[in-house]
Protein backbone atom coordinates (compact mmCIF):
# COMPACT_ATOMS: atom_id res chain seq x y z
CA UNK A 1 -28.22 -15.81 -15.32
CA UNK A 2 -25.12 -16.49 -13.12
CA UNK A 3 -23.30 -13.25 -14.55
CA UNK A 4 -26.24 -11.05 -13.84
CA UNK A 5 -26.85 -12.44 -10.18
CA UNK A 6 -23.13 -11.89 -9.65
CA UNK A 7 -23.36 -8.39 -10.59
CA UNK A 8 -26.62 -7.51 -8.80
CA UNK A 9 -27.12 -9.61 -5.71
CA UNK A 10 -24.39 -12.28 -5.68
CA UNK A 11 -24.79 -16.05 -6.38
CA UNK A 12 -26.50 -18.01 -3.36
CA UNK A 13 -24.34 -21.13 -2.39
CA UNK A 14 -27.02 -23.45 -3.49
CA UNK A 15 -26.73 -22.17 -7.01
CA UNK A 16 -22.97 -22.16 -6.81
CA UNK A 17 -23.11 -25.89 -5.82
CA UNK A 18 -25.54 -26.58 -8.68
CA UNK A 19 -23.12 -24.90 -11.33
CA UNK A 20 -20.02 -26.75 -9.96
CA UNK A 21 -21.64 -30.04 -10.71
CA UNK A 22 -23.42 -28.93 -13.88
CA UNK A 23 -23.25 -31.32 -16.88
CA UNK A 24 -22.29 -28.55 -19.38
CA UNK A 25 -18.62 -27.69 -19.27
CA UNK A 26 -19.16 -24.10 -20.15
CA UNK A 27 -21.02 -23.65 -16.85
CA UNK A 28 -18.49 -25.18 -14.77
CA UNK A 29 -15.83 -22.95 -16.58
CA UNK A 30 -17.74 -19.96 -15.80
CA UNK A 31 -18.21 -20.58 -12.06
CA UNK A 32 -14.56 -21.71 -11.82
CA UNK A 33 -13.47 -18.45 -13.45
CA UNK A 34 -15.83 -15.80 -11.90
CA UNK A 35 -17.71 -17.33 -8.90
CA UNK A 36 -16.90 -16.66 -5.35
CA UNK A 37 -16.02 -20.42 -4.38
CA UNK A 38 -15.81 -21.98 -0.81
CA UNK A 39 -13.41 -24.74 0.12
CA UNK A 40 -15.56 -27.74 -0.96
CA UNK A 41 -16.49 -26.28 -4.26
CA UNK A 42 -12.56 -25.35 -5.04
CA UNK A 43 -11.79 -29.07 -4.16
CA UNK A 44 -14.43 -30.36 -6.48
CA UNK A 45 -13.42 -28.09 -9.28
CA UNK A 46 -9.68 -28.96 -8.82
CA UNK A 47 -10.81 -32.58 -9.70
CA UNK A 48 -12.80 -31.62 -12.75
CA UNK A 49 -12.20 -33.84 -15.83
CA UNK A 50 -12.04 -30.81 -18.04
CA UNK A 51 -8.59 -29.29 -18.20
CA UNK A 52 -9.88 -25.74 -19.00
CA UNK A 53 -12.13 -26.00 -16.04
CA UNK A 54 -9.13 -26.52 -13.94
CA UNK A 55 -7.41 -23.62 -15.59
CA UNK A 56 -10.24 -21.26 -15.05
CA UNK A 57 -10.18 -22.09 -11.25
CA UNK A 58 -6.44 -20.96 -11.31
CA UNK A 59 -7.39 -17.62 -12.71
CA UNK A 60 -10.23 -16.88 -10.12
CA UNK A 61 -9.10 -13.96 -8.12
CA UNK A 62 -11.36 -15.07 -5.25
CA UNK A 63 -9.33 -17.99 -4.16
CA UNK A 64 -8.03 -17.65 -0.80
CA UNK A 65 -5.53 -20.73 -0.73
CA UNK A 66 -2.67 -18.89 -2.14
CA UNK A 67 -1.40 -16.70 0.84
CA UNK A 68 2.48 -17.05 0.65
CA UNK A 69 4.89 -16.62 -2.27
CA UNK A 70 5.76 -20.43 -1.89
CA UNK A 71 2.13 -21.43 -2.31
CA UNK A 72 2.06 -19.77 -5.60
CA UNK A 73 5.19 -21.47 -6.74
CA UNK A 74 4.11 -24.87 -5.48
CA UNK A 75 0.83 -24.59 -7.31
CA UNK A 76 2.81 -23.48 -10.38
CA UNK A 77 5.27 -26.51 -10.21
CA UNK A 78 2.34 -29.03 -10.03
CA UNK A 79 0.20 -27.40 -12.92
CA UNK A 80 -0.02 -28.08 -16.53
CA UNK A 81 0.99 -25.60 -19.10
CA UNK A 82 -2.53 -24.59 -19.67
CA UNK A 83 -3.02 -24.09 -15.95
CA UNK A 84 0.21 -22.04 -15.64
CA UNK A 85 -1.05 -19.67 -18.43
CA UNK A 86 -4.26 -19.14 -16.14
CA UNK A 87 -2.05 -18.74 -13.02
CA UNK A 88 -0.01 -15.74 -14.50
CA UNK A 89 -3.29 -14.08 -15.41
CA UNK A 90 -4.50 -14.32 -11.96
CA UNK A 91 -4.93 -10.60 -10.70
CA UNK A 92 -3.21 -11.48 -7.62
CA UNK A 93 -0.42 -13.50 -8.97
CA UNK A 94 2.94 -13.56 -6.89
CA UNK A 95 5.57 -11.08 -7.63
CA UNK A 96 8.51 -13.53 -7.21
CA UNK A 97 6.84 -16.08 -9.46
CA UNK A 98 6.54 -13.50 -12.32
CA UNK A 99 10.22 -12.46 -11.80
CA UNK A 100 11.34 -15.97 -12.28
CA UNK A 101 9.46 -16.43 -15.39
CA UNK A 102 10.78 -13.19 -16.84
CA UNK A 103 14.43 -14.21 -16.09
CA UNK A 104 15.72 -16.09 -18.83
CA UNK A 105 18.67 -17.54 -16.64
CA UNK A 106 16.24 -18.85 -13.92
CA UNK A 107 15.62 -22.58 -14.60
CA UNK A 108 13.84 -23.42 -11.39
CA UNK A 109 10.61 -24.53 -13.42
CA UNK A 110 12.44 -26.26 -16.17
CA UNK A 111 10.85 -23.90 -18.78
CA UNK A 112 11.89 -23.81 -22.21
CA UNK A 113 11.94 -20.78 -24.38
CA UNK A 114 8.59 -21.28 -26.10
CA UNK A 115 6.86 -21.98 -22.82
CA UNK A 116 8.58 -18.93 -21.10
CA UNK A 117 7.69 -16.76 -24.02
CA UNK A 118 4.06 -17.71 -23.87
CA UNK A 119 3.82 -17.31 -19.99
CA UNK A 120 5.48 -13.96 -20.08
CA UNK A 121 3.15 -12.85 -22.86
CA UNK A 122 -0.07 -14.18 -20.83
CA UNK A 123 0.94 -12.06 -17.65
CA UNK A 124 1.47 -8.88 -20.07
CA UNK A 125 -2.26 -9.19 -20.96
CA UNK A 126 -3.04 -9.22 -17.11
CA UNK A 127 -4.27 -5.67 -16.84
CA UNK A 128 -5.08 -5.95 -13.16
CA UNK A 129 -1.85 -7.05 -12.28
CA UNK A 130 -0.09 -4.33 -14.39
CA UNK A 131 -2.17 -1.73 -12.58
CA UNK A 132 -1.00 -2.74 -9.08
CA UNK A 133 0.08 0.29 -6.84
CA UNK A 134 -2.23 2.69 -8.73
CA UNK A 135 -4.52 2.91 -5.78
CA UNK A 136 -4.53 6.50 -4.25
CA UNK A 137 -4.26 6.92 -0.59
CA UNK A 138 -7.62 8.09 -0.33
CA UNK A 139 -9.15 5.13 -1.87
CA UNK A 140 -6.96 2.97 0.30
CA UNK A 141 -8.13 4.88 3.58
CA UNK A 142 -11.86 4.45 2.43
CA UNK A 143 -11.41 0.73 1.94
CA UNK A 144 -8.99 -0.39 4.60
CA UNK A 145 -8.68 2.67 7.09
CA UNK A 146 -6.23 5.31 8.23
CA UNK A 147 -4.39 3.06 10.70
CA UNK A 148 -2.81 0.89 7.85
CA UNK A 149 -0.82 3.58 6.18
CA UNK A 150 2.42 1.59 6.60
CA UNK A 151 1.13 -1.33 4.71
CA UNK A 152 -0.18 1.10 2.01
CA UNK A 153 3.43 2.31 1.36
CA UNK A 154 5.07 -0.94 1.66
CA UNK A 155 2.56 -2.43 -0.92
CA UNK A 156 3.22 0.53 -3.52
CA UNK A 157 6.93 0.22 -2.84
CA UNK A 158 7.08 -3.33 -3.44
CA UNK A 159 4.93 -3.03 -6.75
CA UNK A 160 7.40 -0.36 -7.91
CA UNK A 161 10.29 -2.63 -7.36
CA UNK A 162 8.65 -5.34 -9.24
CA UNK A 163 7.99 -3.41 -12.37
CA UNK A 164 11.53 -1.96 -12.10
CA UNK A 165 12.87 -5.36 -12.02
CA UNK A 166 10.67 -6.53 -15.14
CA UNK A 167 12.37 -3.62 -16.97
CA UNK A 168 15.70 -4.79 -15.85
CA UNK A 169 15.04 -8.39 -16.73
CA UNK A 170 13.52 -7.40 -20.23
CA UNK A 171 16.91 -6.33 -21.38
CA UNK A 172 18.03 -10.07 -21.10
CA UNK A 173 15.44 -11.06 -23.73
CA UNK A 174 16.48 -10.92 -27.33
CA UNK A 175 15.69 -7.94 -29.80
CA UNK A 176 14.78 -10.35 -32.63
CA UNK A 177 11.11 -10.22 -33.73
CA UNK A 178 11.03 -6.82 -31.71
CA UNK A 179 7.37 -5.73 -32.06
CA UNK A 180 6.12 -9.42 -31.24
CA UNK A 181 8.90 -10.16 -28.53
CA UNK A 182 8.46 -10.13 -24.57
CA UNK A 183 11.13 -7.21 -24.48
CA UNK A 184 9.02 -4.96 -26.66
CA UNK A 185 5.91 -5.61 -24.79
CA UNK A 186 7.43 -4.94 -21.27
CA UNK A 187 8.54 -1.56 -22.73
CA UNK A 188 5.23 -0.90 -24.23
CA UNK A 189 2.95 -1.87 -21.23
CA UNK A 190 4.85 -2.17 -17.99
CA UNK A 191 4.79 1.15 -16.08
CA UNK A 192 8.03 2.89 -15.10
CA UNK A 193 9.22 6.28 -14.06
CA UNK A 194 10.87 8.57 -16.60
CA UNK A 195 14.42 7.97 -15.17
CA UNK A 196 14.15 4.35 -15.80
CA UNK A 197 12.54 4.81 -19.42
CA UNK A 198 15.37 7.39 -20.29
CA UNK A 199 18.11 4.99 -19.17
CA UNK A 200 16.52 2.04 -21.11
CA UNK A 201 16.03 4.35 -24.09
CA UNK A 202 19.67 5.13 -24.42
CA UNK A 203 20.53 1.57 -24.55
CA UNK A 204 18.13 0.55 -27.20
CA UNK A 205 19.62 0.19 -30.58
CA UNK A 206 16.44 -0.99 -32.36
CA UNK A 207 13.82 1.88 -33.17
CA UNK A 208 10.94 -0.26 -32.57
CA UNK A 209 12.10 -0.81 -28.76
CA UNK A 210 12.48 3.04 -28.42
CA UNK A 211 9.02 3.55 -30.21
CA UNK A 212 7.52 0.97 -27.53
CA UNK A 213 8.96 3.14 -24.68
CA UNK A 214 7.45 6.32 -26.08
CA UNK A 215 4.06 4.69 -26.61
CA UNK A 216 4.01 3.44 -22.94
CA UNK A 217 1.61 5.74 -21.20
CA UNK A 218 1.14 3.53 -17.86
CA UNK A 219 1.95 5.82 -14.99
CA UNK A 220 4.74 4.67 -12.66
CA UNK A 221 3.88 3.49 -9.09
CA UNK A 222 3.75 6.35 -6.65
CA UNK A 223 4.85 4.93 -3.12
CA UNK A 224 2.96 7.83 -1.52
CA UNK A 225 -0.26 7.41 -3.76
CA UNK A 226 0.00 10.79 -5.21
CA UNK A 227 -3.09 11.33 -7.74
CA UNK A 228 -0.46 13.55 -9.90
CA UNK A 229 0.81 11.72 -12.71
CA UNK A 230 4.38 12.43 -14.53
CA UNK A 231 4.41 15.13 -17.05
CA UNK A 232 5.40 13.39 -20.03
CA UNK A 233 5.68 16.60 -21.94
CA UNK A 234 8.83 17.74 -20.19
CA UNK A 235 10.30 14.28 -19.27
CA UNK A 236 13.82 13.15 -20.29
CA UNK A 237 12.45 10.36 -22.38
CA UNK A 238 10.45 12.80 -24.51
CA UNK A 239 13.51 15.06 -25.01
CA UNK A 240 15.60 12.15 -26.26
CA UNK A 241 12.66 11.06 -28.60
CA UNK A 242 12.59 14.47 -30.10
CA UNK A 243 16.36 14.14 -30.86
CA UNK A 244 15.93 10.68 -32.30
CA UNK A 245 17.07 9.68 -35.76
CA UNK A 246 13.83 7.80 -36.41
CA UNK A 247 11.16 9.72 -37.74
CA UNK A 248 8.47 7.59 -36.02
CA UNK A 249 10.17 8.13 -32.76
CA UNK A 250 10.30 11.88 -33.14
CA UNK A 251 6.64 11.87 -34.19
CA UNK A 252 5.78 9.89 -30.95
CA UNK A 253 7.88 12.13 -28.87
CA UNK A 254 5.99 15.12 -30.46
CA UNK A 255 2.75 13.82 -29.39
CA UNK A 256 4.03 13.44 -25.79
CA UNK A 257 5.52 17.17 -25.81
CA UNK A 258 2.06 18.46 -27.07
CA UNK A 259 3.92 21.31 -28.96
CA UNK A 260 6.94 22.08 -30.95
CA UNK A 261 9.86 23.10 -28.72
CA UNK A 262 10.34 26.42 -30.71
CA UNK A 263 6.64 27.46 -30.00
CA UNK A 264 6.95 27.88 -26.26
CA UNK A 265 6.01 31.54 -26.84
CA UNK A 266 2.41 30.42 -27.57
CA UNK A 267 1.99 29.94 -23.88
CA UNK A 268 2.01 33.75 -23.44
CA UNK A 269 -0.48 33.95 -26.24
CA UNK A 270 -2.76 31.40 -24.40
CA UNK A 271 -2.31 33.37 -21.14
CA UNK A 272 -3.34 36.78 -22.94
CA UNK A 273 -6.30 34.96 -24.48
CA UNK A 274 -7.60 33.78 -21.13
CA UNK A 275 -7.25 37.33 -19.71
CA UNK A 276 -9.35 38.61 -22.58
CA UNK A 277 -11.84 36.11 -22.27
CA UNK A 278 -12.22 36.98 -18.57
CA UNK A 279 -12.26 40.75 -19.34
CA UNK A 280 -14.90 40.68 -22.27
CA UNK A 281 -17.76 39.27 -20.04
CA UNK A 282 -17.05 41.66 -17.18
CA UNK A 283 -17.03 44.79 -19.69
CA UNK A 284 -20.38 43.62 -21.13
CA UNK A 285 -21.72 43.20 -17.58
CA UNK A 286 -20.96 46.84 -16.55
CA UNK A 287 -22.35 48.02 -19.98
CA UNK A 288 -25.55 46.32 -19.05
CA UNK A 289 -25.59 47.46 -15.42
CA UNK A 290 -25.51 50.97 -16.82
CA UNK A 291 -28.16 50.54 -19.27
CA UNK A 292 -30.48 48.80 -16.61
CA UNK A 293 -29.90 51.51 -14.00
CA UNK A 294 -30.03 54.52 -16.51
CA UNK A 295 -33.45 52.98 -17.93
CA UNK A 296 -35.24 52.82 -14.58
CA UNK A 297 -38.37 54.92 -14.69
CA UNK A 298 -39.05 55.23 -10.87
CA UNK A 299 -36.84 55.68 -7.85
CA UNK A 300 -37.80 52.24 -6.53
CA UNK A 301 -36.86 50.70 -9.58
CA UNK A 302 -33.40 52.25 -9.34
CA UNK A 303 -33.03 51.33 -5.80
CA UNK A 304 -34.02 47.60 -6.42
CA UNK A 305 -31.75 47.43 -9.43
CA UNK A 306 -28.85 48.95 -7.63
CA UNK A 307 -29.16 46.54 -4.70
CA UNK A 308 -29.37 43.61 -7.01
CA UNK A 309 -26.13 44.57 -8.84
CA UNK A 310 -24.45 45.09 -5.53
CA UNK A 311 -25.35 41.63 -4.41
CA UNK A 312 -24.43 40.02 -7.75
CA UNK A 313 -21.14 41.77 -7.85
CA UNK A 314 -20.16 40.71 -4.43
CA UNK A 315 -21.32 37.23 -4.68
CA UNK A 316 -19.28 36.90 -8.02
CA UNK A 317 -16.15 38.26 -6.48
CA UNK A 318 -16.50 36.07 -3.24
CA UNK A 319 -16.88 32.94 -5.23
CA UNK A 320 -13.78 33.58 -7.51
CA UNK A 321 -11.57 34.80 -4.48
CA UNK A 322 -12.55 31.66 -2.59
CA UNK A 323 -11.63 29.31 -5.48
CA UNK A 324 -8.16 31.15 -5.68
CA UNK A 325 -7.60 30.89 -1.85
CA UNK A 326 -8.55 27.15 -1.77
CA UNK A 327 -6.08 26.48 -4.68
CA UNK A 328 -3.35 28.65 -3.03
CA UNK A 329 -3.92 26.65 0.42
CA UNK A 330 -3.76 23.28 -1.23
CA UNK A 331 -0.38 24.49 -2.82
CA UNK A 332 0.97 25.42 0.47
CA UNK A 333 -0.16 22.38 2.32
CA UNK A 334 1.46 20.19 -0.39
CA UNK A 335 4.67 22.12 -0.11
CA UNK A 336 4.69 21.89 3.76
CA UNK A 337 4.00 18.15 3.44
CA UNK A 338 7.13 17.57 1.31
CA UNK A 339 9.12 19.81 3.42
CA UNK A 340 8.25 17.74 6.28
CA UNK A 341 9.21 14.44 4.52
CA UNK A 342 12.42 16.08 3.68
CA UNK A 343 13.11 16.98 7.26
CA UNK A 344 12.38 13.80 8.64
CA UNK A 345 14.51 12.22 6.08
CA UNK A 346 11.98 9.69 4.76
CA UNK A 347 13.96 6.79 3.00
CA UNK A 348 11.38 6.72 0.18
CA UNK A 349 11.59 10.40 -0.40
CA UNK A 350 14.51 10.19 -2.92
CA UNK A 351 15.60 12.72 -5.40
CA UNK A 352 13.51 10.70 -8.06
CA UNK A 353 10.38 10.80 -5.93
CA UNK A 354 10.97 14.38 -5.29
CA UNK A 355 11.02 15.21 -9.02
CA UNK A 356 8.08 13.14 -9.64
CA UNK A 357 6.00 14.94 -7.01
CA UNK A 358 7.49 18.53 -7.46
CA UNK A 359 6.88 18.84 -11.26
CA UNK A 360 2.94 18.56 -11.13
CA UNK A 361 3.04 20.83 -7.99
CA UNK A 362 4.98 23.39 -10.02
CA UNK A 363 2.40 23.20 -12.50
CA UNK A 364 -0.34 23.85 -9.86
CA UNK A 365 1.46 26.99 -8.63
CA UNK A 366 1.70 28.25 -12.19
CA UNK A 367 -2.00 27.84 -12.56
CA UNK A 368 -2.60 29.71 -9.23
CA UNK A 369 -0.48 32.65 -10.49
CA UNK A 370 -2.61 32.66 -13.63
CA UNK A 371 -5.80 32.76 -11.47
CA UNK A 372 -4.26 35.53 -9.48
CA UNK A 373 -4.36 37.79 -12.59
CA UNK A 374 -7.96 36.61 -13.37
CA UNK A 375 -8.85 37.61 -9.88
CA UNK A 376 -7.31 41.12 -10.35
CA UNK A 377 -9.62 41.52 -13.28
CA UNK A 378 -12.78 40.26 -11.17
CA UNK A 379 -11.75 42.66 -8.39
CA UNK A 380 -11.64 45.67 -10.91
CA UNK A 381 -14.92 44.38 -12.41
CA UNK A 382 -16.60 44.04 -9.02
CA UNK A 383 -15.19 47.47 -7.92
CA UNK A 384 -16.58 49.17 -11.05
CA UNK A 385 -20.04 47.41 -10.60
CA UNK A 386 -20.07 48.61 -6.89
CA UNK A 387 -19.41 52.31 -7.73
CA UNK A 388 -21.98 52.29 -10.40
CA UNK A 389 -24.61 50.89 -8.33
CA UNK A 390 -23.79 53.06 -5.18
CA UNK A 391 -23.75 56.09 -7.49
CA UNK A 392 -27.43 55.44 -8.49
CA UNK A 393 -28.30 54.45 -5.06
CA UNK A 394 -27.30 57.47 -3.32
CA UNK A 395 -28.61 59.71 -6.28
CA UNK A 396 -31.98 58.26 -5.93
CA UNK A 397 -32.02 58.30 -2.02
CA UNK A 398 -30.63 62.03 -1.57
């Protein structure tokens, strides 16, 4: 019942109060984990005799008493091990706290090896935290507003630095028990750009670690919130995988590449096939137009059919040309935006981000070029239809 209410209309405060004091621990666990709690409710659940209830409270993302990094660390220091496991699974868990857990040399919290492994593994199941920085700028503006763009860039930049640091700290972990170790799971599930993956790939002696890097499909954080993801098929990591001595690494890299390197000529075949698919329906349409006009039995039918064919040909050509023009305009606007960033010498617009943004843009430019060829075919078809329709129209009128 509480679950349905939370999804549909929200849970009234009176019901929250009843759930917090319920005699059944499972009810208190649910409200501690998923409920929108107020101050007095949090205080009551903090003193709950059931340790799992207290742990569920630590994982609740609606808690608003953790504003600063020191608050997270103070709560972590005073928590039991079960509560600590819940803290690292909180979607809003602090970056600095996680980085200290992942650093085997950091002894601030007095963690032994087993506890550190469990805490790191628990964090790596926190999908919400691992997806930080994936919000597009459009979604951010709809939720927050256009006037807060600086905080958007700062939040994304901080998330990227955090994940880059986790990759760097993962190298400190042993490579033993590879596919069950923290190092493997960082390479497998934490997002990183192609440059970081490639540099790490070169230093990995264990094939299983290299396989984890190749299996990692989580996109890196883009400080500008671009919706374009990196093209893994042409990345340096994929190229390294294709040359790997390990068969499984080569197979995974081949899946990322999407085709055998020696079959690049198939792109031309695909291009020709697209042109053919556009030309055949147009040829059929011209043949049908001739058949319809030639079979008209009266002058009135000929004039009506000719006018309908003229309208149809004009509308079809305008729709195709409009799509091509809009795609070209979008590419031009993107290029102009990147040029402005370069002229303004934006510190976040580095060679790395330039490559990440330029690669998908080049693919869009290639698609626009392909659409231009299809527009030429459409223009020829529309001209032919117009000529046929005008011929029959003029012949009928005069």
